[in-house]
């Protein structure tokens, strides 16, 4: 479940940064994963 822990970490980073910048909500996240990242999508 490597991908799941990666997703959870990304969500935490997004939530922390949104709070730091005073955002009420995040509407969209764009994430590009390269071929050599070792992540299966």
Protein backbone atom coordinates (compact mmCIF):
# COMPACT_ATOMS: atom_id res chain seq x y z
CA UNK A 1 0.00 0.00 0.00
CA UNK A 2 2.86 2.35 -0.79
CA UNK A 3 0.56 4.41 -3.02
CA UNK A 4 -1.95 4.88 -0.20
CA UNK A 5 0.64 6.25 2.22
CA UNK A 6 1.88 8.53 -0.56
CA UNK A 7 -1.66 9.87 -1.09
CA UNK A 8 -2.13 10.42 2.64
CA UNK A 9 1.14 12.35 2.83
CA UNK A 10 0.24 14.50 -0.17
CA UNK A 11 -3.17 15.29 1.36
CA UNK A 12 -1.52 16.29 4.64
CA UNK A 13 0.88 18.63 2.81
CA UNK A 14 -2.04 20.20 0.92
CA UNK A 15 -4.09 20.65 4.09
CA UNK A 16 -1.15 22.14 6.01
CA UNK A 17 -0.30 24.58 3.23
CA UNK A 18 -3.92 25.62 2.76
CA UNK A 19 -4.20 26.36 6.47
CA UNK A 20 -0.88 28.22 6.50
CA UNK A 21 -2.05 30.45 3.65
CA UNK A 22 -5.49 30.99 5.19
CA UNK A 23 -7.50 29.16 2.52
CA UNK A 24 -10.97 27.97 3.46
CA UNK A 25 -10.93 25.17 0.92
CA UNK A 26 -8.93 23.60 -1.87
CA UNK A 27 -10.85 23.24 -5.10
CA UNK A 28 -8.35 21.43 -7.28
CA UNK A 29 -5.01 19.68 -7.04
CA UNK A 30 -2.92 18.86 -10.08
CA UNK A 31 -0.28 16.22 -9.55
CA UNK A 32 2.05 14.86 -12.19
CA UNK A 33 3.76 11.54 -11.53
CA UNK A 34 6.74 10.71 -13.71
CA UNK A 35 7.41 7.34 -15.29
CA UNK A 36 10.47 6.75 -13.15
CA UNK A 37 8.74 7.58 -9.85
CA UNK A 38 8.05 3.93 -9.02
CA UNK A 39 4.38 4.70 -8.36
CA UNK A 40 1.73 2.55 -10.04
CA UNK A 41 -1.28 4.46 -11.32
